[in-house]
Amino acid sequence: MSFQTALPDTAGNPGAQPLVDPAALQDLGEQLNSAAVAKGFARDYARMWDQRYASLSTALNRRDQAAALDAVLSLKTSSSMVGGLRLAELASELEELIRSGELALAASRLGDVAARGSETVDELQLSSVLRES
């Protein structure tokens, strides 16, 4: 199985995780024994980005800790599965804030989440991962 993507974007911060790590999606395909299923998951991830962000944003703005935790865990897990390492790392930071009841502080990071999520989806769409075969 082979997923080809652009080189990781670490130019501004050499110690940073790559924006998207193609190895994660390749590993998912191997675990599922199907590159096509893994590619489909990545396509669904990109299509659902706006919905996932809206769920997190709404929950944080309502100060609904349970819903915010559910939304951020979904974001963290799915981002990890497609190789969105920076977004998964940011979601992990938000998870800690939410678990500790710092919902206003977590909500103040929504701009970062929106930017990182858009960058992640753009990277997936620009790579051959989401191109039709």
C-alpha atoms as a PDB file:
ATOM      1  CA  MET A   1       0.000   0.000   0.000  1.00  0.00           C
ATOM      2  CA  SER A   2       1.313   3.448  -0.777  1.00  0.00           C
ATOM      3  CA  PHE A   3       0.013   6.899   0.053  1.00  0.00           C
ATOM      4  CA  GLN A   4       1.937   9.762  -1.495  1.00  0.00           C
ATOM      5  CA  THR A   5       1.713  13.171   0.093  1.00  0.00           C
ATOM      6  CA  ALA A   6       3.522  16.451   0.115  1.00  0.00           C
ATOM      7  CA  LEU A   7       6.483  16.791   2.420  1.00  0.00           C
ATOM      8  CA  PRO A   8       5.614  17.650   6.016  1.00  0.00           C
ATOM      9  CA  ASP A   9       5.259  21.366   6.694  1.00  0.00           C
ATOM     10  CA  THR A  10       7.812  22.024   9.416  1.00  0.00           C
ATOM     11  CA  ALA A  11       9.626  24.983   7.822  1.00  0.00           C
ATOM     12  CA  GLY A  12       8.557  27.531  10.437  1.00  0.00           C
ATOM     13  CA  ASN A  13       9.237  25.237  13.380  1.00  0.00           C
ATOM     14  CA  PRO A  14      11.814  22.508  12.795  1.00  0.00           C
ATOM     15  CA  GLY A  15      10.911  20.727  16.058  1.00  0.00           C
ATOM     16  CA  ALA A  16       7.195  20.659  15.269  1.00  0.00           C
ATOM     17  CA  GLN A  17       5.210  17.608  14.325  1.00  0.00           C
ATOM     18  CA  PRO A  18       4.441  17.424  10.607  1.00  0.00           C
ATOM     19  CA  LEU A  19       1.035  18.835   9.736  1.00  0.00           C
ATOM     20  CA  VAL A  20      -0.005  15.500   8.221  1.00  0.00           C
ATOM     21  CA  ASP A  21       1.954  12.285   8.584  1.00  0.00           C
ATOM     22  CA  PRO A  22       1.112   9.921   5.704  1.00  0.00           C
ATOM     23  CA  ALA A  23       2.442   6.954   7.675  1.00  0.00           C
ATOM     24  CA  ALA A  24      -0.543   7.099  10.057  1.00  0.00           C
ATOM     25  CA  LEU A  25      -3.046   6.635   7.264  1.00  0.00           C
ATOM     26  CA  GLN A  26      -0.880   3.953   5.711  1.00  0.00           C
ATOM     27  CA  ASP A  27      -0.832   2.152   9.072  1.00  0.00           C
ATOM     28  CA  LEU A  28      -4.626   2.428   9.260  1.00  0.00           C
ATOM     29  CA  GLY A  29      -4.906   0.879   5.809  1.00  0.00           C
ATOM     30  CA  GLU A  30      -2.657  -1.979   6.862  1.00  0.00           C
ATOM     31  CA  GLN A  31      -4.636  -2.546  10.064  1.00  0.00           C
ATOM     32  CA  LEU A  32      -7.871  -2.606   8.065  1.00  0.00           C
ATOM     33  CA  ASN A  33      -6.223  -4.635   5.323  1.00  0.00           C
ATOM     34  CA  SER A  34      -7.590  -2.084   2.838  1.00  0.00           C
ATOM     35  CA  ALA A  35      -6.000   1.076   1.482  1.00  0.00           C
ATOM     36  CA  ALA A  36      -9.375   1.966  -0.039  1.00  0.00           C
ATOM     37  CA  VAL A  37     -11.141   1.922   3.338  1.00  0.00           C
ATOM     38  CA  ALA A  38      -8.409   4.078   4.877  1.00  0.00           C
ATOM     39  CA  LYS A  39      -8.658   6.515   1.962  1.00  0.00           C
ATOM     40  CA  GLY A  40     -12.439   6.608   2.422  1.00  0.00           C
ATOM     41  CA  PHE A  41     -11.962   7.403   6.098  1.00  0.00           C
ATOM     42  CA  ALA A  42      -9.684  10.308   5.158  1.00  0.00           C
ATOM     43  CA  ARG A  43     -12.265  11.595   2.666  1.00  0.00           C
ATOM     44  CA  ASP A  44     -14.994  11.400   5.321  1.00  0.00           C
ATOM     45  CA  TYR A  45     -12.710  13.176   7.780  1.00  0.00           C
ATOM     46  CA  ALA A  46     -12.234  16.071   5.339  1.00  0.00           C
ATOM     47  CA  ARG A  47     -15.966  16.258   4.588  1.00  0.00           C
ATOM     48  CA  MET A  48     -16.858  16.250   8.279  1.00  0.00           C
ATOM     49  CA  TRP A  49     -14.323  18.864   9.405  1.00  0.00           C
ATOM     50  CA  ASP A  50     -16.851  21.729   9.533  1.00  0.00           C
ATOM     51  CA  GLN A  51     -19.305  19.590  11.509  1.00  0.00           C
ATOM     52  CA  ARG A  52     -16.643  18.485  14.014  1.00  0.00           C
ATOM     53  CA  TYR A  53     -15.471  22.058  14.511  1.00  0.00           C
ATOM     54  CA  ALA A  54     -19.044  23.320  14.938  1.00  0.00           C
ATOM     55  CA  SER A  55     -19.756  20.649  17.578  1.00  0.00           C
ATOM     56  CA  LEU A  56     -16.681  21.630  19.584  1.00  0.00           C
ATOM     57  CA  SER A  57     -17.308  25.350  19.206  1.00  0.00           C
ATOM     58  CA  THR A  58     -20.975  25.089  20.181  1.00  0.00           C
ATOM     59  CA  ALA A  59     -20.227  22.954  23.226  1.00  0.00           C
ATOM     60  CA  LEU A  60     -17.473  25.274  24.453  1.00  0.00           C
ATOM     61  CA  ASN A  61     -19.522  28.403  23.876  1.00  0.00           C
ATOM     62  CA  ARG A  62     -22.422  26.849  25.829  1.00  0.00           C
ATOM     63  CA  ARG A  63     -19.937  25.795  28.528  1.00  0.00           C
ATOM     64  CA  ASP A  64     -21.191  22.214  28.169  1.00  0.00           C
ATOM     65  CA  GLN A  65     -18.269  20.239  29.549  1.00  0.00           C
ATOM     66  CA  ALA A  66     -19.598  16.773  28.639  1.00  0.00           C
ATOM     67  CA  ALA A  67     -20.384  17.740  25.036  1.00  0.00           C
ATOM     68  CA  ALA A  68     -17.068  19.590  24.688  1.00  0.00           C
ATOM     69  CA  LEU A  69     -15.173  16.555  25.947  1.00  0.00           C
ATOM     70  CA  ASP A  70     -17.031  14.285  23.519  1.00  0.00           C
ATOM     71  CA  ALA A  71     -16.312  16.653  20.612  1.00  0.00           C
ATOM     72  CA  VAL A  72     -12.637  17.120  21.418  1.00  0.00           C
ATOM     73  CA  LEU A  73     -12.076  13.372  21.872  1.00  0.00           C
ATOM     74  CA  SER A  74     -13.700  12.723  18.485  1.00  0.00           C
ATOM     75  CA  LEU A  75     -11.486  15.384  16.930  1.00  0.00           C
ATOM     76  CA  LYS A  76      -8.332  14.065  18.594  1.00  0.00           C
ATOM     77  CA  THR A  77      -8.951  10.441  17.669  1.00  0.00           C
ATOM     78  CA  SER A  78      -9.998  11.011  14.072  1.00  0.00           C
ATOM     79  CA  SER A  79      -7.152  13.490  13.492  1.00  0.00           C
ATOM     80  CA  SER A  80      -4.641  10.955  14.797  1.00  0.00           C
ATOM     81  CA  MET A  81      -6.076   8.272  12.543  1.00  0.00           C
ATOM     82  CA  VAL A  82      -5.608  10.376   9.380  1.00  0.00           C
ATOM     83  CA  GLY A  83      -2.176  11.557  10.499  1.00  0.00           C
ATOM     84  CA  GLY A  84      -3.195  15.111  11.472  1.00  0.00           C
ATOM     85  CA  LEU A  85      -0.551  15.241  14.175  1.00  0.00           C
ATOM     86  CA  ARG A  86      -0.589  18.955  14.967  1.00  0.00           C
ATOM     87  CA  LEU A  87      -4.367  19.075  15.177  1.00  0.00           C
ATOM     88  CA  ALA A  88      -4.411  15.949  17.341  1.00  0.00           C
ATOM     89  CA  GLU A  89      -1.806  17.545  19.619  1.00  0.00           C
ATOM     90  CA  LEU A  90      -3.882  20.723  19.903  1.00  0.00           C
ATOM     91  CA  ALA A  91      -7.007  18.654  20.625  1.00  0.00           C
ATOM     92  CA  SER A  92      -5.086  16.855  23.372  1.00  0.00           C
ATOM     93  CA  GLU A  93      -4.206  20.209  24.966  1.00  0.00           C
ATOM     94  CA  LEU A  94      -7.868  21.242  24.777  1.00  0.00           C
ATOM     95  CA  GLU A  95      -8.906  17.939  26.322  1.00  0.00           C
ATOM     96  CA  GLU A  96      -6.782  18.723  29.381  1.00  0.00           C
ATOM     97  CA  LEU A  97      -8.346  22.193  29.670  1.00  0.00           C
ATOM     98  CA  ILE A  98     -11.857  20.799  29.314  1.00  0.00           C
ATOM     99  CA  ARG A  99     -11.281  18.021  31.843  1.00  0.00           C
ATOM    100  CA  SER A 100     -10.000  20.591  34.338  1.00  0.00           C
ATOM    101  CA  GLY A 101     -13.067  22.791  33.800  1.00  0.00           C
ATOM    102  CA  GLU A 102     -11.172  25.554  31.982  1.00  0.00           C
ATOM    103  CA  LEU A 103     -13.870  25.890  29.312  1.00  0.00           C
ATOM    104  CA  ALA A 104     -13.377  29.627  28.743  1.00  0.00           C
ATOM    105  CA  LEU A 105      -9.668  29.097  28.182  1.00  0.00           C
ATOM    106  CA  ALA A 106     -10.407  26.178  25.856  1.00  0.00           C
ATOM    107  CA  ALA A 107     -12.900  28.360  23.958  1.00  0.00           C
ATOM    108  CA  SER A 108     -10.217  31.021  23.554  1.00  0.00           C
ATOM    109  CA  ARG A 109      -8.225  28.457  21.498  1.00  0.00           C
ATOM    110  CA  LEU A 110     -11.009  27.893  18.954  1.00  0.00           C
ATOM    111  CA  GLY A 111      -9.279  30.174  16.443  1.00  0.00           C
ATOM    112  CA  ASP A 112      -6.199  27.936  16.624  1.00  0.00           C
ATOM    113  CA  VAL A 113      -8.374  24.844  16.170  1.00  0.00           C
ATOM    114  CA  ALA A 114     -10.106  26.374  13.131  1.00  0.00           C
ATOM    115  CA  ALA A 115      -6.805  27.337  11.517  1.00  0.00           C
ATOM    116  CA  ARG A 116      -5.084  24.027  12.222  1.00  0.00           C
ATOM    117  CA  GLY A 117      -8.121  22.044  11.086  1.00  0.00           C
ATOM    118  CA  SER A 118      -8.364  23.947   7.806  1.00  0.00           C
ATOM    119  CA  GLU A 119      -4.645  23.470   7.203  1.00  0.00           C
ATOM    120  CA  THR A 120      -4.971  19.749   7.912  1.00  0.00           C
ATOM    121  CA  VAL A 121      -7.914  19.307   5.541  1.00  0.00           C
ATOM    122  CA  ASP A 122      -6.137  21.381   2.875  1.00  0.00           C
ATOM    123  CA  GLU A 123      -3.010  19.238   3.223  1.00  0.00           C
ATOM    124  CA  LEU A 124      -5.054  16.049   2.894  1.00  0.00           C
ATOM    125  CA  GLN A 125      -6.847  17.424  -0.157  1.00  0.00           C
ATOM    126  CA  LEU A 126      -3.610  18.581  -1.813  1.00  0.00           C
ATOM    127  CA  SER A 127      -1.952  15.246  -1.249  1.00  0.00           C
ATOM    128  CA  SER A 128      -2.693  12.230  -3.365  1.00  0.00           C
ATOM    129  CA  VAL A 129      -4.436  10.682  -0.358  1.00  0.00           C
ATOM    130  CA  LEU A 130      -7.819  12.138  -1.325  1.00  0.00           C
ATOM    131  CA  ARG A 131      -7.403  12.114  -5.087  1.00  0.00           C
ATOM    132  CA  GLU A 132      -9.538   9.714  -7.036  1.00  0.00           C
ATOM    133  CA  SER A 133      -7.652   6.639  -8.170  1.00  0.00           C
END
